[in-house]
């Protein structure tokens, strides 16, 4: 999610670098903004996570093609604010409540809302690091549900649509176990978008640039075609202080996370 499309290792230096190629679907748009690392709204341009996933080579991710596709298919949607929170290579237990990444996500989400945004959905793409250990793979579903429920509660957004990307790859042998956990998620208003058929970079882990573009378009289609359902007593997130659905988010997390807002 942080964006590794077009990123490859330089054989002469051993350093990962981005090739700088920006497809037409990822070009800047005057109606697309992003929340920077210092919490300022700026025009969005690739790589979206350059100042968030610091210390790594960031390239093309699904965020810009998602936003551009939404505006192309719904010209009256209005300005979009992307709130990138992705950190590459992180496991689900690093996104649990009380951990640094979780707290940073909530802080950035709340700042985006306080500055005039309205949460619209959450885009989540994460799990490759949880394929290394059998124990982590077995615990993944429970940890994922806890993360989603805690986030919905802390953002006061019980009917938040969550679009979860099902893994295309992994760092270890338990890819299918994590995929099964993702596909079996039983929370209301969580929609799965499967990335398995999308092409990978030569590292067999990260999506290619064109795959990232396609994923962004798939997420846009899922978002535009989705109607959130009212909470039922059996599906209500735990520990909610209110059931008033005032906000929606769009966050992307593959080892990371985003928020997408309208103004």
C-alpha atoms as a PDB file:
ATOM      1  CA  UNK A   1       0.000   0.000   0.000  1.00  0.00           C
ATOM      2  CA  UNK A   2       2.869   2.383   0.665  1.00  0.00           C
ATOM      3  CA  UNK A   3       3.729   1.976  -3.009  1.00  0.00           C
ATOM      4  CA  UNK A   4       6.457  -0.282  -4.387  1.00  0.00           C
ATOM      5  CA  UNK A   5       5.402  -0.169  -8.034  1.00  0.00           C
ATOM      6  CA  UNK A   6       8.457   0.635 -10.139  1.00  0.00           C
ATOM      7  CA  UNK A   7      10.857   0.100  -7.234  1.00  0.00           C
ATOM      8  CA  UNK A   8      13.840  -2.166  -7.938  1.00  0.00           C
ATOM      9  CA  UNK A   9      17.313  -2.765  -6.603  1.00  0.00           C
ATOM     10  CA  UNK A  10      20.228  -1.117  -8.395  1.00  0.00           C
ATOM     11  CA  UNK A  11      22.632  -3.933  -9.230  1.00  0.00           C
ATOM     12  CA  UNK A  12      25.653  -1.653  -9.009  1.00  0.00           C
ATOM     13  CA  UNK A  13      24.830  -0.052  -5.642  1.00  0.00           C
ATOM     14  CA  UNK A  14      22.504  -2.540  -3.977  1.00  0.00           C
ATOM     15  CA  UNK A  15      20.115   0.327  -3.220  1.00  0.00           C
ATOM     16  CA  UNK A  16      16.372   0.179  -3.924  1.00  0.00           C
ATOM     17  CA  UNK A  17      15.226   3.039  -6.152  1.00  0.00           C
ATOM     18  CA  UNK A  18      12.005   4.083  -7.888  1.00  0.00           C
ATOM     19  CA  UNK A  19      12.102   4.416 -11.677  1.00  0.00           C
ATOM     20  CA  UNK A  20      10.056   7.636 -11.539  1.00  0.00           C
ATOM     21  CA  UNK A  21       7.470   6.456 -14.073  1.00  0.00           C
ATOM     22  CA  UNK A  22       4.011   7.885 -13.311  1.00  0.00           C
ATOM     23  CA  UNK A  23       1.171   6.339 -15.385  1.00  0.00           C
ATOM     24  CA  UNK A  24      -1.635   8.568 -16.603  1.00  0.00           C
ATOM     25  CA  UNK A  25      -3.991   7.064 -13.995  1.00  0.00           C
ATOM     26  CA  UNK A  26      -1.658   8.325 -11.237  1.00  0.00           C
ATOM     27  CA  UNK A  27      -1.115  11.872 -12.449  1.00  0.00           C
ATOM     28  CA  UNK A  28      -1.855  14.809 -10.112  1.00  0.00           C
ATOM     29  CA  UNK A  29      -5.404  16.163 -10.152  1.00  0.00           C
ATOM     30  CA  UNK A  30      -6.403  19.600  -8.800  1.00  0.00           C
ATOM     31  CA  UNK A  31      -9.201  17.883  -6.850  1.00  0.00           C
ATOM     32  CA  UNK A  32      -6.941  15.370  -5.055  1.00  0.00           C
ATOM     33  CA  UNK A  33      -5.030  16.327  -1.902  1.00  0.00           C
ATOM     34  CA  UNK A  34      -3.068  14.425   0.719  1.00  0.00           C
ATOM     35  CA  UNK A  35      -2.281  15.007   4.372  1.00  0.00           C
ATOM     36  CA  UNK A  36       1.481  15.371   4.687  1.00  0.00           C
ATOM     37  CA  UNK A  37       3.626  14.037   7.520  1.00  0.00           C
ATOM     38  CA  UNK A  38       3.466  17.457   9.205  1.00  0.00           C
ATOM     39  CA  UNK A  39      -0.364  17.429   8.997  1.00  0.00           C
ATOM     40  CA  UNK A  40      -0.770  19.948   6.172  1.00  0.00           C
ATOM     41  CA  UNK A  41      -3.030  19.499   3.140  1.00  0.00           C
ATOM     42  CA  UNK A  42      -0.958  19.570  -0.050  1.00  0.00           C
ATOM     43  CA  UNK A  43      -1.613  18.603  -3.688  1.00  0.00           C
ATOM     44  CA  UNK A  44      -1.305  14.823  -3.986  1.00  0.00           C
ATOM     45  CA  UNK A  45       1.350  13.370  -6.238  1.00  0.00           C
ATOM     46  CA  UNK A  46       3.345  10.160  -6.435  1.00  0.00           C
ATOM     47  CA  UNK A  47       4.912   8.761  -4.417  1.00  0.00           C
ATOM     48  CA  UNK A  48       2.111   9.397  -1.931  1.00  0.00           C
ATOM     49  CA  UNK A  49       4.001   7.906   1.027  1.00  0.00           C
ATOM     50  CA  UNK A  50       7.365   9.577   0.433  1.00  0.00           C
ATOM     51  CA  UNK A  51       7.297  11.413   3.780  1.00  0.00           C
ATOM     52  CA  UNK A  52       5.295   8.764   5.693  1.00  0.00           C
ATOM     53  CA  UNK A  53       7.079   5.490   4.915  1.00  0.00           C
ATOM     54  CA  UNK A  54      10.379   7.281   5.459  1.00  0.00           C
ATOM     55  CA  UNK A  55      13.645   5.473   4.952  1.00  0.00           C
ATOM     56  CA  UNK A  56      12.313   3.213   2.197  1.00  0.00           C
ATOM     57  CA  UNK A  57      12.076   3.577  -1.564  1.00  0.00           C
ATOM     58  CA  UNK A  58       8.454   4.447  -2.267  1.00  0.00           C
ATOM     59  CA  UNK A  59       6.911   4.227  -5.723  1.00  0.00           C
ATOM     60  CA  UNK A  60       3.465   3.774  -7.229  1.00  0.00           C
ATOM     61  CA  UNK A  61       0.658   2.594  -4.944  1.00  0.00           C
ATOM     62  CA  UNK A  62      -3.109   2.227  -5.396  1.00  0.00           C
ATOM     63  CA  UNK A  63      -4.060   5.555  -3.804  1.00  0.00           C
ATOM     64  CA  UNK A  64      -3.771   7.940  -6.750  1.00  0.00           C
ATOM     65  CA  UNK A  65      -5.361   5.559  -9.288  1.00  0.00           C
ATOM     66  CA  UNK A  66      -8.163   4.969  -6.779  1.00  0.00           C
ATOM     67  CA  UNK A  67      -8.850   8.676  -6.344  1.00  0.00           C
ATOM     68  CA  UNK A  68      -8.574   9.444 -10.061  1.00  0.00           C
ATOM     69  CA  UNK A  69     -10.915   6.561 -10.904  1.00  0.00           C
ATOM     70  CA  UNK A  70     -13.511   7.771  -8.381  1.00  0.00           C
ATOM     71  CA  UNK A  71     -13.453  11.278  -9.873  1.00  0.00           C
ATOM     72  CA  UNK A  72     -13.595   9.935 -13.440  1.00  0.00           C
ATOM     73  CA  UNK A  73     -16.597   7.732 -12.714  1.00  0.00           C
ATOM     74  CA  UNK A  74     -18.325  10.260 -10.466  1.00  0.00           C
ATOM     75  CA  UNK A  75     -17.380  13.793 -11.595  1.00  0.00           C
ATOM     76  CA  UNK A  76     -19.632  15.297  -8.918  1.00  0.00           C
ATOM     77  CA  UNK A  77     -17.892  13.527  -6.059  1.00  0.00           C
ATOM     78  CA  UNK A  78     -15.995  16.645  -4.953  1.00  0.00           C
ATOM     79  CA  UNK A  79     -12.405  17.115  -3.750  1.00  0.00           C
ATOM     80  CA  UNK A  80     -10.724  14.035  -2.266  1.00  0.00           C
ATOM     81  CA  UNK A  81      -8.268  14.062   0.627  1.00  0.00           C
ATOM     82  CA  UNK A  82      -5.922  11.082   0.919  1.00  0.00           C
ATOM     83  CA  UNK A  83      -4.489  10.449   4.378  1.00  0.00           C
ATOM     84  CA  UNK A  84      -1.538   8.056   3.939  1.00  0.00           C
ATOM     85  CA  UNK A  85      -0.412   6.182   7.053  1.00  0.00           C
ATOM     86  CA  UNK A  86       1.438   3.220   5.501  1.00  0.00           C
ATOM     87  CA  UNK A  87       4.630   1.713   6.868  1.00  0.00           C
ATOM     88  CA  UNK A  88       6.081  -1.141   4.832  1.00  0.00           C
ATOM     89  CA  UNK A  89       6.814  -4.571   6.282  1.00  0.00           C
ATOM     90  CA  UNK A  90       4.666  -4.227   9.396  1.00  0.00           C
ATOM     91  CA  UNK A  91       2.647  -7.033  10.988  1.00  0.00           C
ATOM     92  CA  UNK A  92      -0.925  -6.832  12.263  1.00  0.00           C
ATOM     93  CA  UNK A  93       0.181  -6.836  15.901  1.00  0.00           C
ATOM     94  CA  UNK A  94       1.977  -3.533  15.219  1.00  0.00           C
ATOM     95  CA  UNK A  95      -1.399  -1.991  14.370  1.00  0.00           C
ATOM     96  CA  UNK A  96      -3.112  -2.909  17.622  1.00  0.00           C
ATOM     97  CA  UNK A  97      -4.500  -0.199  19.889  1.00  0.00           C
ATOM     98  CA  UNK A  98      -1.777   1.393  22.012  1.00  0.00           C
ATOM     99  CA  UNK A  99       0.980   0.720  19.477  1.00  0.00           C
ATOM    100  CA  UNK A 100       2.735   3.635  17.768  1.00  0.00           C
ATOM    101  CA  UNK A 101       1.315   2.957  14.295  1.00  0.00           C
ATOM    102  CA  UNK A 102      -2.249   2.710  15.600  1.00  0.00           C
ATOM    103  CA  UNK A 103      -1.939   5.912  17.604  1.00  0.00           C
ATOM    104  CA  UNK A 104      -0.414   7.737  14.625  1.00  0.00           C
ATOM    105  CA  UNK A 105      -3.255   6.547  12.394  1.00  0.00           C
ATOM    106  CA  UNK A 106      -5.917   7.798  14.801  1.00  0.00           C
ATOM    107  CA  UNK A 107      -4.119  11.128  15.227  1.00  0.00           C
ATOM    108  CA  UNK A 108      -3.882  11.706  11.480  1.00  0.00           C
ATOM    109  CA  UNK A 109      -7.487  10.631  10.912  1.00  0.00           C
ATOM    110  CA  UNK A 110      -8.779  12.964  13.586  1.00  0.00           C
ATOM    111  CA  UNK A 111      -6.681  15.862  12.302  1.00  0.00           C
ATOM    112  CA  UNK A 112      -8.068  15.303   8.797  1.00  0.00           C
ATOM    113  CA  UNK A 113     -11.619  15.391  10.128  1.00  0.00           C
ATOM    114  CA  UNK A 114     -10.997  18.438  12.315  1.00  0.00           C
ATOM    115  CA  UNK A 115      -9.666  20.355   9.316  1.00  0.00           C
ATOM    116  CA  UNK A 116     -12.974  19.997   7.484  1.00  0.00           C
ATOM    117  CA  UNK A 117     -12.910  16.526   5.947  1.00  0.00           C
ATOM    118  CA  UNK A 118     -15.645  13.899   6.083  1.00  0.00           C
ATOM    119  CA  UNK A 119     -14.475  10.288   6.272  1.00  0.00           C
ATOM    120  CA  UNK A 120     -15.740   8.243   3.329  1.00  0.00           C
ATOM    121  CA  UNK A 121     -14.118   4.785   3.567  1.00  0.00           C
ATOM    122  CA  UNK A 122     -11.068   2.801   4.646  1.00  0.00           C
ATOM    123  CA  UNK A 123      -8.753   0.898   2.313  1.00  0.00           C
ATOM    124  CA  UNK A 124      -6.703  -1.804   4.036  1.00  0.00           C
ATOM    125  CA  UNK A 125      -3.941  -3.868   2.414  1.00  0.00           C
ATOM    126  CA  UNK A 126      -1.639  -5.641   4.858  1.00  0.00           C
ATOM    127  CA  UNK A 127      -0.601  -9.108   5.935  1.00  0.00           C
ATOM    128  CA  UNK A 128       2.514 -10.215   4.038  1.00  0.00           C
ATOM    129  CA  UNK A 129       4.618 -10.078   7.198  1.00  0.00           C
ATOM    130  CA  UNK A 130       2.088 -12.287   8.997  1.00  0.00           C
ATOM    131  CA  UNK A 131       2.734 -15.159   6.558  1.00  0.00           C
ATOM    132  CA  UNK A 132       6.163 -15.908   8.053  1.00  0.00           C
ATOM    133  CA  UNK A 133       5.044 -17.517  11.319  1.00  0.00           C
ATOM    134  CA  UNK A 134       2.346 -20.176  11.644  1.00  0.00           C
ATOM    135  CA  UNK A 135       1.342 -18.667  14.981  1.00  0.00           C
ATOM    136  CA  UNK A 136       0.913 -15.194  13.467  1.00  0.00           C
ATOM    137  CA  UNK A 137      -1.095 -16.634  10.585  1.00  0.00           C
ATOM    138  CA  UNK A 138      -3.382 -18.492  12.996  1.00  0.00           C
ATOM    139  CA  UNK A 139      -3.889 -15.377  15.144  1.00  0.00           C
ATOM    140  CA  UNK A 140      -4.371 -13.043  12.196  1.00  0.00           C
ATOM    141  CA  UNK A 141      -8.164 -13.104  11.976  1.00  0.00           C
ATOM    142  CA  UNK A 142      -8.660 -12.295  15.653  1.00  0.00           C
ATOM    143  CA  UNK A 143      -6.078  -9.535  15.610  1.00  0.00           C
ATOM    144  CA  UNK A 144      -7.604  -8.054  12.459  1.00  0.00           C
ATOM    145  CA  UNK A 145     -11.099  -7.991  13.978  1.00  0.00           C
ATOM    146  CA  UNK A 146      -9.759  -6.346  17.131  1.00  0.00           C
ATOM    147  CA  UNK A 147      -7.962  -3.692  15.074  1.00  0.00           C
ATOM    148  CA  UNK A 148     -11.045  -2.902  12.982  1.00  0.00           C
ATOM    149  CA  UNK A 149     -13.362  -2.739  16.004  1.00  0.00           C
ATOM    150  CA  UNK A 150     -11.001  -0.555  18.043  1.00  0.00           C
ATOM    151  CA  UNK A 151     -10.510   1.826  15.131  1.00  0.00           C
ATOM    152  CA  UNK A 152     -14.237   2.145  14.435  1.00  0.00           C
ATOM    153  CA  UNK A 153     -14.769   2.917  18.097  1.00  0.00           C
ATOM    154  CA  UNK A 154     -11.948   5.444  18.459  1.00  0.00           C
ATOM    155  CA  UNK A 155     -12.996   7.290  15.287  1.00  0.00           C
ATOM    156  CA  UNK A 156     -16.660   7.187  16.315  1.00  0.00           C
ATOM    157  CA  UNK A 157     -17.424   5.650  12.915  1.00  0.00           C
ATOM    158  CA  UNK A 158     -19.406   2.428  13.512  1.00  0.00           C
ATOM    159  CA  UNK A 159     -20.674   2.091   9.915  1.00  0.00           C
ATOM    160  CA  UNK A 160     -17.348   2.888   8.258  1.00  0.00           C
ATOM    161  CA  UNK A 161     -16.994   0.945   4.980  1.00  0.00           C
ATOM    162  CA  UNK A 162     -13.726  -1.018   4.987  1.00  0.00           C
ATOM    163  CA  UNK A 163     -12.311  -2.307   1.699  1.00  0.00           C
ATOM    164  CA  UNK A 164      -9.785  -4.998   2.483  1.00  0.00           C
ATOM    165  CA  UNK A 165      -7.333  -6.207  -0.166  1.00  0.00           C
ATOM    166  CA  UNK A 166      -6.808  -9.962   0.048  1.00  0.00           C
ATOM    167  CA  UNK A 167      -3.127 -10.862  -0.275  1.00  0.00           C
ATOM    168  CA  UNK A 168      -1.452 -11.480  -3.614  1.00  0.00           C
ATOM    169  CA  UNK A 169       1.817 -12.619  -2.015  1.00  0.00           C
ATOM    170  CA  UNK A 170       3.658 -12.973   1.259  1.00  0.00           C
ATOM    171  CA  UNK A 171       7.036 -13.058   2.953  1.00  0.00           C
ATOM    172  CA  UNK A 172       6.584 -16.608   4.271  1.00  0.00           C
ATOM    173  CA  UNK A 173       4.884 -19.967   3.594  1.00  0.00           C
ATOM    174  CA  UNK A 174       1.529 -19.215   5.246  1.00  0.00           C
ATOM    175  CA  UNK A 175       0.010 -17.043   2.529  1.00  0.00           C
ATOM    176  CA  UNK A 176      -3.113 -19.149   2.087  1.00  0.00           C
ATOM    177  CA  UNK A 177      -3.754 -19.206   5.831  1.00  0.00           C
ATOM    178  CA  UNK A 178      -3.716 -15.404   6.010  1.00  0.00           C
ATOM    179  CA  UNK A 179      -5.803 -15.131   2.833  1.00  0.00           C
ATOM    180  CA  UNK A 180      -8.389 -17.464   4.358  1.00  0.00           C
ATOM    181  CA  UNK A 181      -8.506 -15.330   7.509  1.00  0.00           C
ATOM    182  CA  UNK A 182      -9.063 -12.219   5.397  1.00  0.00           C
ATOM    183  CA  UNK A 183     -11.787 -13.833   3.300  1.00  0.00           C
ATOM    184  CA  UNK A 184     -13.526 -15.164   6.411  1.00  0.00           C
ATOM    185  CA  UNK A 185     -13.734 -11.793   8.147  1.00  0.00           C
ATOM    186  CA  UNK A 186     -17.328 -11.543   9.394  1.00  0.00           C
ATOM    187  CA  UNK A 187     -17.614  -7.869  10.255  1.00  0.00           C
ATOM    188  CA  UNK A 188     -20.403  -5.817   8.756  1.00  0.00           C
ATOM    189  CA  UNK A 189     -19.515  -3.319   6.008  1.00  0.00           C
ATOM    190  CA  UNK A 190     -16.166  -5.022   5.280  1.00  0.00           C
ATOM    191  CA  UNK A 191     -15.734  -5.769   1.567  1.00  0.00           C
ATOM    192  CA  UNK A 192     -12.883  -7.931   0.197  1.00  0.00           C
ATOM    193  CA  UNK A 193     -11.043  -7.106  -3.038  1.00  0.00           C
ATOM    194  CA  UNK A 194      -8.780  -9.987  -4.126  1.00  0.00           C
ATOM    195  CA  UNK A 195      -5.335  -9.090  -5.498  1.00  0.00           C
ATOM    196  CA  UNK A 196      -4.188 -12.666  -6.098  1.00  0.00           C
ATOM    197  CA  UNK A 197      -4.263 -12.555  -9.906  1.00  0.00           C
ATOM    198  CA  UNK A 198      -2.353  -9.274 -10.179  1.00  0.00           C
ATOM    199  CA  UNK A 199       1.257  -9.399 -11.487  1.00  0.00           C
ATOM    200  CA  UNK A 200       4.194  -9.018  -9.107  1.00  0.00           C
ATOM    201  CA  UNK A 201       7.594  -7.360  -9.335  1.00  0.00           C
ATOM    202  CA  UNK A 202      10.607  -9.689  -9.778  1.00  0.00           C
ATOM    203  CA  UNK A 203      10.881  -9.886  -5.973  1.00  0.00           C
ATOM    204  CA  UNK A 204       7.614 -11.920  -6.067  1.00  0.00           C
ATOM    205  CA  UNK A 205       6.326  -9.825  -3.165  1.00  0.00           C
ATOM    206  CA  UNK A 206       5.260  -6.377  -4.373  1.00  0.00           C
ATOM    207  CA  UNK A 207       2.760  -5.487  -7.085  1.00  0.00           C
ATOM    208  CA  UNK A 208       4.042  -4.017 -10.342  1.00  0.00           C
ATOM    209  CA  UNK A 209       3.164  -0.462 -11.312  1.00  0.00           C
ATOM    210  CA  UNK A 210       0.368  -1.592 -13.623  1.00  0.00           C
ATOM    211  CA  UNK A 211      -0.918  -3.989 -10.965  1.00  0.00           C
ATOM    212  CA  UNK A 212      -1.075  -1.121  -8.474  1.00  0.00           C
ATOM    213  CA  UNK A 213      -3.041   0.916 -11.003  1.00  0.00           C
ATOM    214  CA  UNK A 214      -5.442  -1.959 -11.564  1.00  0.00           C
ATOM    215  CA  UNK A 215      -5.851  -2.479  -7.830  1.00  0.00           C
ATOM    216  CA  UNK A 216      -6.700   1.192  -7.352  1.00  0.00           C
ATOM    217  CA  UNK A 217      -9.365   0.892 -10.044  1.00  0.00           C
ATOM    218  CA  UNK A 218     -10.761  -2.294  -8.460  1.00  0.00           C
ATOM    219  CA  UNK A 219     -10.992  -0.532  -5.102  1.00  0.00           C
ATOM    220  CA  UNK A 220     -12.752   2.427  -6.739  1.00  0.00           C
ATOM    221  CA  UNK A 221     -15.312   0.103  -8.336  1.00  0.00           C
ATOM    222  CA  UNK A 222     -15.888  -1.639  -5.002  1.00  0.00           C
ATOM    223  CA  UNK A 223     -16.277   1.678  -3.194  1.00  0.00           C
ATOM    224  CA  UNK A 224     -18.639   3.268  -5.723  1.00  0.00           C
ATOM    225  CA  UNK A 225     -20.794   0.138  -5.873  1.00  0.00           C
ATOM    226  CA  UNK A 226     -21.072  -0.375  -2.118  1.00  0.00           C
ATOM    227  CA  UNK A 227     -23.980   0.654   0.095  1.00  0.00           C
ATOM    228  CA  UNK A 228     -23.166   0.543   3.835  1.00  0.00           C
ATOM    229  CA  UNK A 229     -25.671  -1.372   5.923  1.00  0.00           C
ATOM    230  CA  UNK A 230     -26.989  -0.132   9.269  1.00  0.00           C
ATOM    231  CA  UNK A 231     -25.422  -1.894  12.230  1.00  0.00           C
ATOM    232  CA  UNK A 232     -27.255  -4.811  13.767  1.00  0.00           C
ATOM    233  CA  UNK A 233     -26.879  -5.850  17.362  1.00  0.00           C
ATOM    234  CA  UNK A 234     -24.942  -8.947  16.279  1.00  0.00           C
ATOM    235  CA  UNK A 235     -22.437  -6.982  14.227  1.00  0.00           C
ATOM    236  CA  UNK A 236     -21.968  -3.804  16.224  1.00  0.00           C
ATOM    237  CA  UNK A 237     -18.337  -3.064  17.087  1.00  0.00           C
ATOM    238  CA  UNK A 238     -17.556  -3.471  20.762  1.00  0.00           C
ATOM    239  CA  UNK A 239     -16.980  -0.590  23.174  1.00  0.00           C
ATOM    240  CA  UNK A 240     -18.645   2.061  21.010  1.00  0.00           C
ATOM    241  CA  UNK A 241     -19.632   5.188  22.890  1.00  0.00           C
ATOM    242  CA  UNK A 242     -22.243   6.007  20.253  1.00  0.00           C
ATOM    243  CA  UNK A 243     -23.919   4.409  17.259  1.00  0.00           C
ATOM    244  CA  UNK A 244     -24.342   7.648  15.313  1.00  0.00           C
ATOM    245  CA  UNK A 245     -22.748   7.104  11.891  1.00  0.00           C
ATOM    246  CA  UNK A 246     -21.282  10.496  11.170  1.00  0.00           C
ATOM    247  CA  UNK A 247     -18.016   9.555   9.534  1.00  0.00           C
ATOM    248  CA  UNK A 248     -16.599   7.172   6.950  1.00  0.00           C
ATOM    249  CA  UNK A 249     -12.965   6.521   6.081  1.00  0.00           C
ATOM    250  CA  UNK A 250     -10.862   5.273   3.269  1.00  0.00           C
ATOM    251  CA  UNK A 251      -7.623   3.941   4.435  1.00  0.00           C
ATOM    252  CA  UNK A 252      -5.119   1.801   2.725  1.00  0.00           C
ATOM    253  CA  UNK A 253      -2.837  -0.415   4.568  1.00  0.00           C
ATOM    254  CA  UNK A 254      -0.506  -2.867   3.204  1.00  0.00           C
ATOM    255  CA  UNK A 255       1.961  -2.473   5.813  1.00  0.00           C
ATOM    256  CA  UNK A 256       0.281   0.883   5.859  1.00  0.00           C
ATOM    257  CA  UNK A 257      -2.892   2.869   5.821  1.00  0.00           C
ATOM    258  CA  UNK A 258      -4.750   5.794   4.261  1.00  0.00           C
ATOM    259  CA  UNK A 259      -7.796   7.841   4.726  1.00  0.00           C
ATOM    260  CA  UNK A 260      -9.815   9.418   1.967  1.00  0.00           C
ATOM    261  CA  UNK A 261     -12.097  12.302   2.647  1.00  0.00           C
ATOM    262  CA  UNK A 262     -14.343  14.775   0.903  1.00  0.00           C
ATOM    263  CA  UNK A 263     -14.504  18.461   1.737  1.00  0.00           C
END
